[in-house]
N, C-alpha and C. Protein backbone atom coordinates (compact mmCIF):
# COMPACT_ATOMS: atom_id res chain seq x y z
N UNK A 1 84.59 102.93 88.78
CA UNK A 1 83.23 103.23 89.11
C UNK A 1 82.81 104.43 88.25
N UNK A 2 81.67 104.32 87.59
CA UNK A 2 81.18 105.38 86.73
C UNK A 2 79.80 105.88 87.13
N UNK A 3 79.10 105.11 87.95
CA UNK A 3 77.75 105.51 88.32
C UNK A 3 77.40 104.91 89.68
N UNK A 4 76.67 105.68 90.47
CA UNK A 4 76.19 105.21 91.77
C UNK A 4 74.67 105.26 91.74
N UNK A 5 74.04 104.20 92.18
CA UNK A 5 72.59 104.15 92.28
C UNK A 5 72.17 104.12 93.73
N UNK A 6 71.11 104.84 94.04
CA UNK A 6 70.61 104.91 95.41
C UNK A 6 69.09 104.79 95.37
N UNK A 7 68.55 103.88 96.18
CA UNK A 7 67.10 103.70 96.24
C UNK A 7 66.62 103.94 97.66
N UNK A 8 65.55 104.71 97.77
CA UNK A 8 64.92 104.98 99.07
C UNK A 8 63.56 104.30 99.08
N UNK A 9 63.30 103.52 100.13
CA UNK A 9 62.05 102.79 100.26
C UNK A 9 61.20 103.43 101.36
N UNK A 10 59.94 103.64 101.06
CA UNK A 10 59.00 104.19 102.03
C UNK A 10 57.89 103.17 102.24
N UNK A 11 57.73 102.78 103.49
CA UNK A 11 56.70 101.79 103.82
C UNK A 11 55.32 102.44 103.80
N UNK A 12 54.38 101.73 103.21
CA UNK A 12 52.98 102.13 103.24
C UNK A 12 52.27 101.06 104.05
N UNK A 13 52.22 101.22 105.39
CA UNK A 13 51.77 100.16 106.29
C UNK A 13 50.34 99.66 106.05
N UNK A 14 49.41 100.55 105.87
CA UNK A 14 48.02 100.11 105.73
C UNK A 14 47.76 99.42 104.39
N UNK A 15 48.72 99.50 103.45
CA UNK A 15 48.58 98.80 102.16
C UNK A 15 49.53 97.61 102.06
N UNK A 16 50.35 97.41 103.11
CA UNK A 16 51.29 96.30 103.15
C UNK A 16 52.21 96.28 101.91
N UNK A 17 52.74 97.45 101.56
CA UNK A 17 53.65 97.55 100.43
C UNK A 17 54.62 98.71 100.65
N UNK A 18 55.56 98.87 99.70
CA UNK A 18 56.56 99.92 99.77
C UNK A 18 56.52 100.76 98.50
N UNK A 19 56.85 102.01 98.63
CA UNK A 19 57.07 102.88 97.48
C UNK A 19 58.58 103.09 97.39
N UNK A 20 59.12 103.03 96.18
CA UNK A 20 60.57 103.18 96.01
C UNK A 20 60.87 104.34 95.07
N UNK A 21 61.90 105.09 95.42
CA UNK A 21 62.42 106.17 94.59
C UNK A 21 63.89 105.87 94.33
N UNK A 22 64.25 105.76 93.06
CA UNK A 22 65.62 105.42 92.69
C UNK A 22 66.30 106.60 92.01
N UNK A 23 67.56 106.83 92.37
CA UNK A 23 68.35 107.93 91.82
C UNK A 23 69.67 107.37 91.33
N UNK A 24 70.13 107.84 90.18
CA UNK A 24 71.42 107.45 89.63
C UNK A 24 72.29 108.69 89.49
N UNK A 25 73.54 108.56 89.91
CA UNK A 25 74.49 109.67 89.83
C UNK A 25 75.72 109.21 89.07
N UNK A 26 76.12 109.97 88.08
CA UNK A 26 77.38 109.71 87.39
C UNK A 26 78.50 110.27 88.27
N UNK A 27 79.58 109.52 88.39
CA UNK A 27 80.76 110.00 89.11
C UNK A 27 81.95 109.94 88.16
N UNK A 28 82.74 110.99 88.18
CA UNK A 28 83.85 111.12 87.23
C UNK A 28 85.06 111.67 87.95
N UNK A 29 86.21 110.99 87.85
CA UNK A 29 87.41 111.47 88.55
C UNK A 29 88.03 112.66 87.81
N UNK A 30 87.47 113.84 88.00
CA UNK A 30 87.95 115.04 87.31
C UNK A 30 89.37 115.40 87.72
N UNK A 31 89.95 116.34 87.01
CA UNK A 31 91.30 116.82 87.33
C UNK A 31 91.20 118.14 88.08
N UNK A 32 92.07 118.30 89.08
CA UNK A 32 92.11 119.51 89.89
C UNK A 32 93.57 119.86 90.12
N UNK A 33 94.00 121.00 89.66
CA UNK A 33 95.41 121.40 89.85
C UNK A 33 96.33 120.33 89.31
N UNK A 34 97.27 119.91 90.14
CA UNK A 34 98.22 118.88 89.70
C UNK A 34 97.64 117.47 89.82
N UNK A 35 96.45 117.33 90.41
CA UNK A 35 95.82 116.02 90.55
C UNK A 35 95.11 115.70 89.23
N UNK A 36 95.69 114.78 88.49
CA UNK A 36 95.16 114.39 87.18
C UNK A 36 95.20 112.86 87.11
N UNK A 37 94.10 112.24 87.44
CA UNK A 37 94.01 110.80 87.60
C UNK A 37 93.98 110.09 86.24
N UNK A 38 94.68 108.96 86.15
CA UNK A 38 94.56 108.11 84.96
C UNK A 38 93.27 107.32 85.09
N UNK A 39 92.52 107.30 84.01
CA UNK A 39 91.25 106.59 84.01
C UNK A 39 91.37 105.43 83.04
N UNK A 40 91.39 104.22 83.56
CA UNK A 40 91.58 103.02 82.73
C UNK A 40 90.33 102.16 82.75
N UNK A 41 90.02 101.54 81.62
CA UNK A 41 88.90 100.61 81.58
C UNK A 41 89.13 99.59 80.47
N UNK A 42 88.42 98.51 80.56
CA UNK A 42 88.52 97.45 79.56
C UNK A 42 87.57 97.75 78.41
N UNK A 43 87.97 97.33 77.20
CA UNK A 43 87.13 97.53 76.03
C UNK A 43 85.76 96.87 76.22
N UNK A 44 85.73 95.69 76.83
CA UNK A 44 84.45 95.01 77.04
C UNK A 44 83.53 95.81 77.97
N UNK A 45 84.11 96.54 78.91
CA UNK A 45 83.28 97.37 79.80
C UNK A 45 82.65 98.50 79.02
N UNK A 46 83.41 99.13 78.13
CA UNK A 46 82.85 100.19 77.29
C UNK A 46 81.77 99.65 76.36
N UNK A 47 82.00 98.47 75.81
CA UNK A 47 81.00 97.85 74.93
C UNK A 47 79.71 97.57 75.70
N UNK A 48 79.84 97.07 76.92
CA UNK A 48 78.67 96.81 77.76
C UNK A 48 77.90 98.10 78.01
N UNK A 49 78.62 99.15 78.39
CA UNK A 49 77.96 100.44 78.66
C UNK A 49 77.27 100.97 77.41
N UNK A 50 77.89 100.85 76.26
CA UNK A 50 77.26 101.30 75.01
C UNK A 50 75.98 100.52 74.72
N UNK A 51 76.04 99.20 74.89
CA UNK A 51 74.86 98.36 74.64
C UNK A 51 73.69 98.73 75.55
N UNK A 52 74.01 99.27 76.73
CA UNK A 52 72.97 99.60 77.70
C UNK A 52 72.73 101.12 77.78
N UNK A 53 73.04 101.80 76.67
CA UNK A 53 72.73 103.23 76.50
C UNK A 53 73.34 104.13 77.57
N UNK A 54 74.53 103.81 78.00
CA UNK A 54 75.23 104.68 78.95
C UNK A 54 75.55 106.00 78.26
N UNK A 55 75.28 107.12 78.93
CA UNK A 55 75.50 108.44 78.35
C UNK A 55 76.89 108.95 78.74
N UNK A 56 77.86 108.78 77.85
CA UNK A 56 79.24 109.17 78.14
C UNK A 56 79.38 110.68 78.28
N UNK A 57 78.57 111.46 77.58
CA UNK A 57 78.63 112.91 77.72
C UNK A 57 78.21 113.34 79.11
N UNK A 58 77.12 112.77 79.63
CA UNK A 58 76.70 113.10 81.00
C UNK A 58 77.76 112.65 82.00
N UNK A 59 78.34 111.50 81.76
CA UNK A 59 79.38 110.97 82.65
C UNK A 59 80.54 111.96 82.77
N UNK A 60 81.01 112.49 81.65
CA UNK A 60 82.17 113.37 81.68
C UNK A 60 81.80 114.80 82.05
N UNK A 61 80.75 115.34 81.43
CA UNK A 61 80.43 116.74 81.64
C UNK A 61 79.61 117.01 82.90
N UNK A 62 78.78 116.08 83.31
CA UNK A 62 77.89 116.29 84.46
C UNK A 62 78.22 115.40 85.64
N UNK A 63 79.23 114.54 85.50
CA UNK A 63 79.56 113.62 86.58
C UNK A 63 80.03 114.35 87.83
N UNK A 64 79.75 113.77 88.97
CA UNK A 64 80.18 114.33 90.25
C UNK A 64 81.65 113.99 90.44
N UNK A 65 82.47 115.02 90.59
CA UNK A 65 83.90 114.81 90.78
C UNK A 65 84.19 114.34 92.20
N UNK A 66 85.29 113.65 92.35
CA UNK A 66 85.66 113.16 93.67
C UNK A 66 87.17 113.03 93.77
N UNK A 67 87.66 112.98 95.00
CA UNK A 67 89.08 112.79 95.29
C UNK A 67 89.20 111.69 96.33
N UNK A 68 90.29 110.90 96.25
CA UNK A 68 90.57 109.99 97.35
C UNK A 68 91.38 110.75 98.40
N UNK A 69 91.70 110.11 99.50
CA UNK A 69 92.37 110.80 100.61
C UNK A 69 93.73 111.37 100.21
N UNK A 70 94.52 110.59 99.47
CA UNK A 70 95.84 111.06 99.05
C UNK A 70 95.73 112.26 98.11
N UNK A 71 94.79 112.20 97.17
CA UNK A 71 94.60 113.31 96.23
C UNK A 71 94.13 114.56 96.96
N UNK A 72 93.27 114.38 97.95
CA UNK A 72 92.79 115.51 98.74
C UNK A 72 93.94 116.19 99.47
N UNK A 73 94.84 115.41 100.05
CA UNK A 73 95.99 115.98 100.76
C UNK A 73 96.86 116.81 99.82
N UNK A 74 97.12 116.27 98.63
CA UNK A 74 97.92 117.01 97.64
C UNK A 74 97.25 118.32 97.30
N UNK A 75 95.96 118.27 97.04
CA UNK A 75 95.23 119.46 96.66
C UNK A 75 95.14 120.47 97.81
N UNK A 76 94.94 120.00 99.01
CA UNK A 76 94.89 120.90 100.17
C UNK A 76 96.23 121.60 100.36
N UNK A 77 97.33 120.87 100.17
CA UNK A 77 98.65 121.49 100.27
C UNK A 77 98.83 122.57 99.21
N UNK A 78 98.37 122.30 98.00
CA UNK A 78 98.47 123.30 96.93
C UNK A 78 97.64 124.54 97.29
N UNK A 79 96.47 124.34 97.85
CA UNK A 79 95.62 125.47 98.21
C UNK A 79 96.27 126.28 99.33
N UNK A 80 96.87 125.60 100.30
CA UNK A 80 97.55 126.31 101.39
C UNK A 80 98.71 127.13 100.86
N UNK A 81 99.41 126.64 99.85
CA UNK A 81 100.54 127.36 99.26
C UNK A 81 100.08 128.60 98.48
N UNK A 82 98.80 128.72 98.23
CA UNK A 82 98.29 129.88 97.51
C UNK A 82 98.47 131.18 98.28
N UNK A 83 98.70 131.09 99.57
CA UNK A 83 98.89 132.32 100.35
C UNK A 83 100.11 133.09 99.86
N UNK A 84 101.03 132.41 99.17
CA UNK A 84 102.21 133.09 98.61
C UNK A 84 102.17 133.06 97.08
N UNK A 85 101.03 132.74 96.52
CA UNK A 85 100.93 132.60 95.06
C UNK A 85 100.85 133.97 94.38
N UNK A 86 101.27 133.99 93.14
CA UNK A 86 101.17 135.19 92.32
C UNK A 86 99.75 135.31 91.79
N UNK A 87 99.41 136.45 91.22
CA UNK A 87 98.08 136.64 90.65
C UNK A 87 97.80 135.61 89.56
N UNK A 88 98.79 135.29 88.74
CA UNK A 88 98.60 134.31 87.66
C UNK A 88 98.31 132.93 88.23
N UNK A 89 99.04 132.56 89.28
CA UNK A 89 98.80 131.27 89.92
C UNK A 89 97.41 131.24 90.56
N UNK A 90 97.01 132.36 91.13
CA UNK A 90 95.69 132.43 91.76
C UNK A 90 94.60 132.17 90.74
N UNK A 91 94.71 132.71 89.55
CA UNK A 91 93.71 132.49 88.50
C UNK A 91 93.63 131.02 88.12
N UNK A 92 94.77 130.36 88.06
CA UNK A 92 94.79 128.94 87.70
C UNK A 92 94.04 128.11 88.73
N UNK A 93 94.18 128.47 90.00
CA UNK A 93 93.56 127.68 91.06
C UNK A 93 92.19 128.19 91.49
N UNK A 94 91.67 129.24 90.89
CA UNK A 94 90.38 129.77 91.33
C UNK A 94 89.26 128.75 91.16
N UNK A 95 89.32 127.93 90.09
CA UNK A 95 88.31 126.88 89.90
C UNK A 95 88.38 125.86 91.02
N UNK A 96 89.58 125.52 91.42
CA UNK A 96 89.75 124.53 92.48
C UNK A 96 89.17 125.04 93.78
N UNK A 97 89.52 126.25 94.14
CA UNK A 97 89.07 126.81 95.41
C UNK A 97 87.56 126.92 95.45
N UNK A 98 86.96 127.27 94.32
CA UNK A 98 85.51 127.42 94.31
C UNK A 98 84.77 126.10 94.32
N UNK A 99 85.42 125.01 93.99
CA UNK A 99 84.70 123.74 93.90
C UNK A 99 85.15 122.67 94.89
N UNK A 100 86.19 122.94 95.65
CA UNK A 100 86.70 121.93 96.58
C UNK A 100 86.76 122.50 97.97
N UNK A 101 86.24 121.77 98.93
CA UNK A 101 86.36 122.14 100.33
C UNK A 101 87.29 121.16 101.00
N UNK A 102 88.32 121.67 101.67
CA UNK A 102 89.24 120.81 102.41
C UNK A 102 89.06 121.10 103.89
N UNK A 103 88.40 120.19 104.58
CA UNK A 103 88.15 120.35 106.00
C UNK A 103 88.65 119.09 106.69
N UNK A 104 89.79 119.19 107.34
CA UNK A 104 90.34 118.04 108.04
C UNK A 104 90.51 116.86 107.10
N UNK A 105 90.02 115.70 107.53
CA UNK A 105 90.09 114.49 106.72
C UNK A 105 88.77 114.17 106.04
N UNK A 106 87.84 115.14 106.03
CA UNK A 106 86.54 114.84 105.43
C UNK A 106 86.66 114.77 103.92
N UNK A 107 85.81 113.99 103.31
CA UNK A 107 85.78 113.83 101.88
C UNK A 107 84.40 114.27 101.41
N UNK A 108 84.38 115.22 100.52
CA UNK A 108 83.11 115.76 100.06
C UNK A 108 82.99 115.56 98.57
N UNK A 109 81.78 115.28 98.12
CA UNK A 109 81.50 115.25 96.70
C UNK A 109 81.46 116.67 96.21
N UNK A 110 81.98 116.89 95.03
CA UNK A 110 82.01 118.25 94.49
C UNK A 110 80.80 118.52 93.66
């Protein structure tokens, strides 16, 4: 998955029609700490995206990062271990802590 589209419809009753607002979001499986996901795709998929003016720079640099449940658990464990981390280790994980919230089993977009 590289992009999510969302459309909101607003009814205009006295005109018997709808107004629609569409939003597209790039999603990118970024790396966090030891969580470094392999990203695989078919050549034909890349060709299709190129033909349809997909912006690969926005996808990578501006895409919304996400974690699955297993990746979140790994990352949460690493963050919990920071209580005994050295200053050097703390600097490595400062980006993670500032961009990831681990609350129970909830999954949040970053």
